[in-house]
Protein backbone atom coordinates (compact mmCIF):
# COMPACT_ATOMS: atom_id res chain seq x y z
CA UNK A 1 0.00 0.00 0.00
CA UNK A 2 1.22 3.48 -0.78
CA UNK A 3 0.54 6.69 1.14
CA UNK A 4 -1.60 7.77 -1.79
CA UNK A 5 -3.82 4.69 -1.59
CA UNK A 6 -3.98 4.82 2.20
CA UNK A 7 -5.14 8.43 2.18
CA UNK A 8 -7.70 7.73 -0.55
CA UNK A 9 -9.11 4.88 1.54
CA UNK A 10 -9.43 7.18 4.56
CA UNK A 11 -11.05 9.92 2.49
CA UNK A 12 -13.74 7.49 1.30
CA UNK A 13 -15.32 7.98 4.73
CA UNK A 14 -15.56 11.73 4.22
CA UNK A 15 -13.49 14.91 4.34
CA UNK A 16 -10.68 15.20 6.88
CA UNK A 17 -8.00 17.70 7.79
CA UNK A 18 -4.41 16.73 7.04
CA UNK A 19 -3.57 16.24 10.70
CA UNK A 20 -6.60 13.96 11.11
CA UNK A 21 -5.49 11.90 8.12
CA UNK A 22 -1.99 11.58 9.54
CA UNK A 23 -3.25 10.45 12.94
CA UNK A 24 -5.72 7.95 11.49
CA UNK A 25 -3.18 6.59 8.97
CA UNK A 26 -0.61 6.00 11.71
CA UNK A 27 -3.25 4.46 13.97
CA UNK A 28 -4.34 2.02 11.29
CA UNK A 29 -0.78 1.03 10.37
CA UNK A 30 0.17 0.55 14.01
CA UNK A 31 2.60 3.48 13.79
CA UNK A 32 4.93 1.26 11.76
CA UNK A 33 4.62 3.74 8.90
CA UNK A 34 5.07 7.21 10.42
CA UNK A 35 4.09 10.19 8.29
CA UNK A 36 4.96 13.82 8.65
CA UNK A 37 2.23 16.30 7.91
CA UNK A 38 4.19 17.59 4.90
CA UNK A 39 3.88 14.19 3.22
CA UNK A 40 0.15 14.25 3.80
CA UNK A 41 -0.36 17.68 2.25
CA UNK A 42 1.96 16.93 -0.68
CA UNK A 43 0.02 13.74 -1.39
CA UNK A 44 -3.33 15.56 -1.05
CA UNK A 45 -2.15 18.19 -3.54
CA UNK A 46 -1.23 15.48 -6.03
CA UNK A 47 -4.55 13.71 -5.53
CA UNK A 48 -6.33 16.99 -6.20
CA UNK A 49 -4.18 17.67 -9.26
CA UNK A 50 -5.08 14.23 -10.60
CA UNK A 51 -8.79 14.84 -10.00
CA UNK A 52 -9.12 12.14 -7.35
CA UNK A 53 -10.26 14.38 -4.48
PDB file of N, CA and C in Angstrom:
ATOM      1  N   UNK A   1       0.849  -1.175   0.000  1.00  0.00           N
ATOM      2  CA  UNK A   1       0.000   0.000   0.000  1.00  0.00           C
ATOM      3  C   UNK A   1       0.893   1.237   0.000  1.00  0.00           C
ATOM      4  N   UNK A   2       0.495   2.215  -0.753  1.00  0.00           N
ATOM      5  CA  UNK A   2       1.221   3.483  -0.784  1.00  0.00           C
ATOM      6  C   UNK A   2       0.496   4.508   0.091  1.00  0.00           C
ATOM      7  N   UNK A   3       1.175   5.594   0.395  1.00  0.00           N
ATOM      8  CA  UNK A   3       0.542   6.686   1.140  1.00  0.00           C
ATOM      9  C   UNK A   3      -0.674   7.178   0.371  1.00  0.00           C
ATOM     10  N   UNK A   4      -0.510   7.299  -0.922  1.00  0.00           N
ATOM     11  CA  UNK A   4      -1.598   7.767  -1.793  1.00  0.00           C
ATOM     12  C   UNK A   4      -2.849   6.903  -1.629  1.00  0.00           C
ATOM     13  N   UNK A   5      -2.671   5.592  -1.705  1.00  0.00           N
ATOM     14  CA  UNK A   5      -3.815   4.687  -1.586  1.00  0.00           C
ATOM     15  C   UNK A   5      -4.388   4.684  -0.171  1.00  0.00           C
ATOM     16  N   UNK A   6      -3.512   4.772   0.811  1.00  0.00           N
ATOM     17  CA  UNK A   6      -3.979   4.824   2.195  1.00  0.00           C
ATOM     18  C   UNK A   6      -4.827   6.053   2.464  1.00  0.00           C
ATOM     19  N   UNK A   7      -4.375   7.203   1.971  1.00  0.00           N
ATOM     20  CA  UNK A   7      -5.141   8.434   2.180  1.00  0.00           C
ATOM     21  C   UNK A   7      -6.459   8.400   1.416  1.00  0.00           C
ATOM     22  N   UNK A   8      -6.443   7.859   0.211  1.00  0.00           N
ATOM     23  CA  UNK A   8      -7.697   7.734  -0.545  1.00  0.00           C
ATOM     24  C   UNK A   8      -8.702   6.855   0.201  1.00  0.00           C
ATOM     25  N   UNK A   9      -8.217   5.773   0.784  1.00  0.00           N
ATOM     26  CA  UNK A   9      -9.106   4.882   1.538  1.00  0.00           C
ATOM     27  C   UNK A   9      -9.713   5.620   2.732  1.00  0.00           C
ATOM     28  N   UNK A  10      -8.908   6.419   3.417  1.00  0.00           N
ATOM     29  CA  UNK A  10      -9.427   7.176   4.557  1.00  0.00           C
ATOM     30  C   UNK A  10     -10.419   8.242   4.115  1.00  0.00           C
ATOM     31  N   UNK A  11     -10.171   8.848   2.979  1.00  0.00           N
ATOM     32  CA  UNK A  11     -11.049   9.915   2.485  1.00  0.00           C
ATOM     33  C   UNK A  11     -12.382   9.388   1.963  1.00  0.00           C
ATOM     34  N   UNK A  12     -12.458   8.074   1.714  1.00  0.00           N
ATOM     35  CA  UNK A  12     -13.743   7.486   1.304  1.00  0.00           C
ATOM     36  C   UNK A  12     -14.812   7.704   2.368  1.00  0.00           C
ATOM     37  N   UNK A  13     -14.387   7.799   3.608  1.00  0.00           N
ATOM     38  CA  UNK A  13     -15.320   7.977   4.729  1.00  0.00           C
ATOM     39  C   UNK A  13     -15.774   9.417   4.887  1.00  0.00           C
ATOM     40  N   UNK A  14     -15.164  10.327   4.143  1.00  0.00           N
ATOM     41  CA  UNK A  14     -15.556  11.733   4.217  1.00  0.00           C
ATOM     42  C   UNK A  14     -14.351  12.639   4.364  1.00  0.00           C
ATOM     43  N   UNK A  15     -14.582  13.940   4.267  1.00  0.00           N
ATOM     44  CA  UNK A  15     -13.489  14.909   4.337  1.00  0.00           C
ATOM     45  C   UNK A  15     -12.782  14.880   5.691  1.00  0.00           C
ATOM     46  N   UNK A  16     -11.496  15.136   5.661  1.00  0.00           N
ATOM     47  CA  UNK A  16     -10.682  15.196   6.878  1.00  0.00           C
ATOM     48  C   UNK A  16      -9.609  16.260   6.703  1.00  0.00           C
ATOM     49  N   UNK A  17      -9.159  16.814   7.804  1.00  0.00           N
ATOM     50  CA  UNK A  17      -7.997  17.696   7.792  1.00  0.00           C
ATOM     51  C   UNK A  17      -6.741  16.843   7.675  1.00  0.00           C
ATOM     52  N   UNK A  18      -5.668  17.446   7.195  1.00  0.00           N
ATOM     53  CA  UNK A  18      -4.407  16.727   7.037  1.00  0.00           C
ATOM     54  C   UNK A  18      -3.921  16.086   8.320  1.00  0.00           C
ATOM     55  N   UNK A  19      -4.031  16.800   9.424  1.00  0.00           N
ATOM     56  CA  UNK A  19      -3.572  16.242  10.702  1.00  0.00           C
ATOM     57  C   UNK A  19      -4.427  15.051  11.127  1.00  0.00           C
ATOM     58  N   UNK A  20      -5.717  15.097  10.812  1.00  0.00           N
ATOM     59  CA  UNK A  20      -6.597  13.964  11.113  1.00  0.00           C
ATOM     60  C   UNK A  20      -6.205  12.754  10.274  1.00  0.00           C
ATOM     61  N   UNK A  21      -5.910  12.996   8.998  1.00  0.00           N
ATOM     62  CA  UNK A  21      -5.495  11.903   8.120  1.00  0.00           C
ATOM     63  C   UNK A  21      -4.212  11.264   8.628  1.00  0.00           C
ATOM     64  N   UNK A  22      -3.267  12.095   9.028  1.00  0.00           N
ATOM     65  CA  UNK A  22      -1.990  11.585   9.539  1.00  0.00           C
ATOM     66  C   UNK A  22      -2.211  10.704  10.767  1.00  0.00           C
ATOM     67  N   UNK A  23      -2.992  11.194  11.714  1.00  0.00           N
ATOM     68  CA  UNK A  23      -3.252  10.450  12.944  1.00  0.00           C
ATOM     69  C   UNK A  23      -3.949   9.127  12.652  1.00  0.00           C
ATOM     70  N   UNK A  24      -4.962   9.170  11.806  1.00  0.00           N
ATOM     71  CA  UNK A  24      -5.718   7.954  11.494  1.00  0.00           C
ATOM     72  C   UNK A  24      -4.869   6.963  10.703  1.00  0.00           C
ATOM     73  N   UNK A  25      -4.065   7.457   9.762  1.00  0.00           N
ATOM     74  CA  UNK A  25      -3.184   6.595   8.975  1.00  0.00           C
ATOM     75  C   UNK A  25      -2.215   5.867   9.895  1.00  0.00           C
ATOM     76  N   UNK A  26      -1.572   6.609  10.798  1.00  0.00           N
ATOM     77  CA  UNK A  26      -0.610   6.001  11.713  1.00  0.00           C
ATOM     78  C   UNK A  26      -1.296   5.030  12.667  1.00  0.00           C
ATOM     79  N   UNK A  27      -2.501   5.349  13.087  1.00  0.00           N
ATOM     80  CA  UNK A  27      -3.249   4.463  13.968  1.00  0.00           C
ATOM     81  C   UNK A  27      -3.563   3.139  13.276  1.00  0.00           C
ATOM     82  N   UNK A  28      -3.959   3.228  12.027  1.00  0.00           N
ATOM     83  CA  UNK A  28      -4.343   2.017  11.289  1.00  0.00           C
ATOM     84  C   UNK A  28      -3.146   1.172  10.851  1.00  0.00           C
ATOM     85  N   UNK A  29      -1.975   1.798  10.741  1.00  0.00           N
ATOM     86  CA  UNK A  29      -0.778   1.034  10.372  1.00  0.00           C
ATOM     87  C   UNK A  29       0.035   0.653  11.603  1.00  0.00           C
ATOM     88  N   UNK A  30      -0.521   0.899  12.779  1.00  0.00           N
ATOM     89  CA  UNK A  30       0.170   0.551  14.007  1.00  0.00           C
ATOM     90  C   UNK A  30       1.425   1.377  14.233  1.00  0.00           C
ATOM     91  N   UNK A  31       1.450   2.565  13.694  1.00  0.00           N
ATOM     92  CA  UNK A  31       2.598   3.479  13.789  1.00  0.00           C
ATOM     93  C   UNK A  31       3.877   2.887  13.206  1.00  0.00           C
ATOM     94  N   UNK A  32       3.750   1.824  12.413  1.00  0.00           N
ATOM     95  CA  UNK A  32       4.934   1.262  11.760  1.00  0.00           C
ATOM     96  C   UNK A  32       5.296   2.052  10.514  1.00  0.00           C
ATOM     97  N   UNK A  33       4.389   2.920  10.078  1.00  0.00           N
ATOM     98  CA  UNK A  33       4.624   3.743   8.899  1.00  0.00           C
ATOM     99  C   UNK A  33       4.357   5.199   9.277  1.00  0.00           C
ATOM    100  N   UNK A  34       5.305   5.825   9.979  1.00  0.00           N
ATOM    101  CA  UNK A  34       5.070   7.207  10.417  1.00  0.00           C
ATOM    102  C   UNK A  34       5.067   8.187   9.248  1.00  0.00           C
ATOM    103  N   UNK A  35       4.197   9.149   9.317  1.00  0.00           N
ATOM    104  CA  UNK A  35       4.094  10.195   8.293  1.00  0.00           C
ATOM    105  C   UNK A  35       4.367  11.538   8.935  1.00  0.00           C
ATOM    106  N   UNK A  36       4.947  12.442   8.170  1.00  0.00           N
ATOM    107  CA  UNK A  36       4.955  13.820   8.650  1.00  0.00           C
ATOM    108  C   UNK A  36       3.846  14.542   7.899  1.00  0.00           C
ATOM    109  N   UNK A  37       3.384  15.617   8.481  1.00  0.00           N
ATOM    110  CA  UNK A  37       2.227  16.304   7.914  1.00  0.00           C
ATOM    111  C   UNK A  37       2.533  16.847   6.517  1.00  0.00           C
ATOM    112  N   UNK A  38       3.802  17.138   6.235  1.00  0.00           N
ATOM    113  CA  UNK A  38       4.186  17.594   4.897  1.00  0.00           C
ATOM    114  C   UNK A  38       3.911  16.548   3.836  1.00  0.00           C
ATOM    115  N   UNK A  39       4.168  15.274   4.166  1.00  0.00           N
ATOM    116  CA  UNK A  39       3.880  14.185   3.225  1.00  0.00           C
ATOM    117  C   UNK A  39       2.389  14.114   2.930  1.00  0.00           C
ATOM    118  N   UNK A  40       1.596  14.313   3.962  1.00  0.00           N
ATOM    119  CA  UNK A  40       0.146  14.245   3.799  1.00  0.00           C
ATOM    120  C   UNK A  40      -0.324  15.339   2.847  1.00  0.00           C
ATOM    121  N   UNK A  41       0.111  16.574   3.089  1.00  0.00           N
ATOM    122  CA  UNK A  41      -0.359  17.682   2.254  1.00  0.00           C
ATOM    123  C   UNK A  41       0.189  17.607   0.831  1.00  0.00           C
ATOM    124  N   UNK A  42       1.413  17.118   0.670  1.00  0.00           N
ATOM    125  CA  UNK A  42       1.957  16.929  -0.678  1.00  0.00           C
ATOM    126  C   UNK A  42       1.131  15.892  -1.430  1.00  0.00           C
ATOM    127  N   UNK A  43       0.815  14.796  -0.762  1.00  0.00           N
ATOM    128  CA  UNK A  43       0.016  13.742  -1.391  1.00  0.00           C
ATOM    129  C   UNK A  43      -1.388  14.243  -1.706  1.00  0.00           C
ATOM    130  N   UNK A  44      -1.994  14.999  -0.789  1.00  0.00           N
ATOM    131  CA  UNK A  44      -3.326  15.558  -1.047  1.00  0.00           C
ATOM    132  C   UNK A  44      -3.310  16.492  -2.253  1.00  0.00           C
ATOM    133  N   UNK A  45      -2.268  17.290  -2.380  1.00  0.00           N
ATOM    134  CA  UNK A  45      -2.154  18.190  -3.541  1.00  0.00           C
ATOM    135  C   UNK A  45      -2.088  17.399  -4.834  1.00  0.00           C
ATOM    136  N   UNK A  46      -1.340  16.313  -4.822  1.00  0.00           N
ATOM    137  CA  UNK A  46      -1.229  15.476  -6.028  1.00  0.00           C
ATOM    138  C   UNK A  46      -2.543  14.781  -6.344  1.00  0.00           C
ATOM    139  N   UNK A  47      -3.246  14.333  -5.311  1.00  0.00           N
ATOM    140  CA  UNK A  47      -4.551  13.710  -5.529  1.00  0.00           C
ATOM    141  C   UNK A  47      -5.529  14.715  -6.131  1.00  0.00           C
ATOM    142  N   UNK A  48      -5.466  15.944  -5.649  1.00  0.00           N
ATOM    143  CA  UNK A  48      -6.333  16.989  -6.196  1.00  0.00           C
ATOM    144  C   UNK A  48      -5.952  17.297  -7.641  1.00  0.00           C
ATOM    145  N   UNK A  49      -4.661  17.405  -7.896  1.00  0.00           N
ATOM    146  CA  UNK A  49      -4.179  17.675  -9.256  1.00  0.00           C
ATOM    147  C   UNK A  49      -4.666  16.596 -10.232  1.00  0.00           C
ATOM    148  N   UNK A  50      -4.671  15.350  -9.757  1.00  0.00           N
ATOM    149  CA  UNK A  50      -5.078  14.226 -10.599  1.00  0.00           C
ATOM    150  C   UNK A  50      -6.594  14.030 -10.647  1.00  0.00           C
ATOM    151  N   UNK A  51      -7.333  14.907  -9.973  1.00  0.00           N
ATOM    152  CA  UNK A  51      -8.793  14.839 -10.001  1.00  0.00           C
ATOM    153  C   UNK A  51      -9.390  13.732  -9.153  1.00  0.00           C
ATOM    154  N   UNK A  52      -8.641  13.256  -8.165  1.00  0.00           N
ATOM    155  CA  UNK A  52      -9.118  12.145  -7.346  1.00  0.00           C
ATOM    156  C   UNK A  52      -9.793  12.590  -6.057  1.00  0.00           C
ATOM    157  N   UNK A  53      -9.584  13.835  -5.675  1.00  0.00           N
ATOM    158  CA  UNK A  53     -10.263  14.379  -4.481  1.00  0.00           C
ATOM    159  C   UNK A  53     -10.795  15.761  -4.809  1.00  0.00           C
TER     160      UNK A  53
END
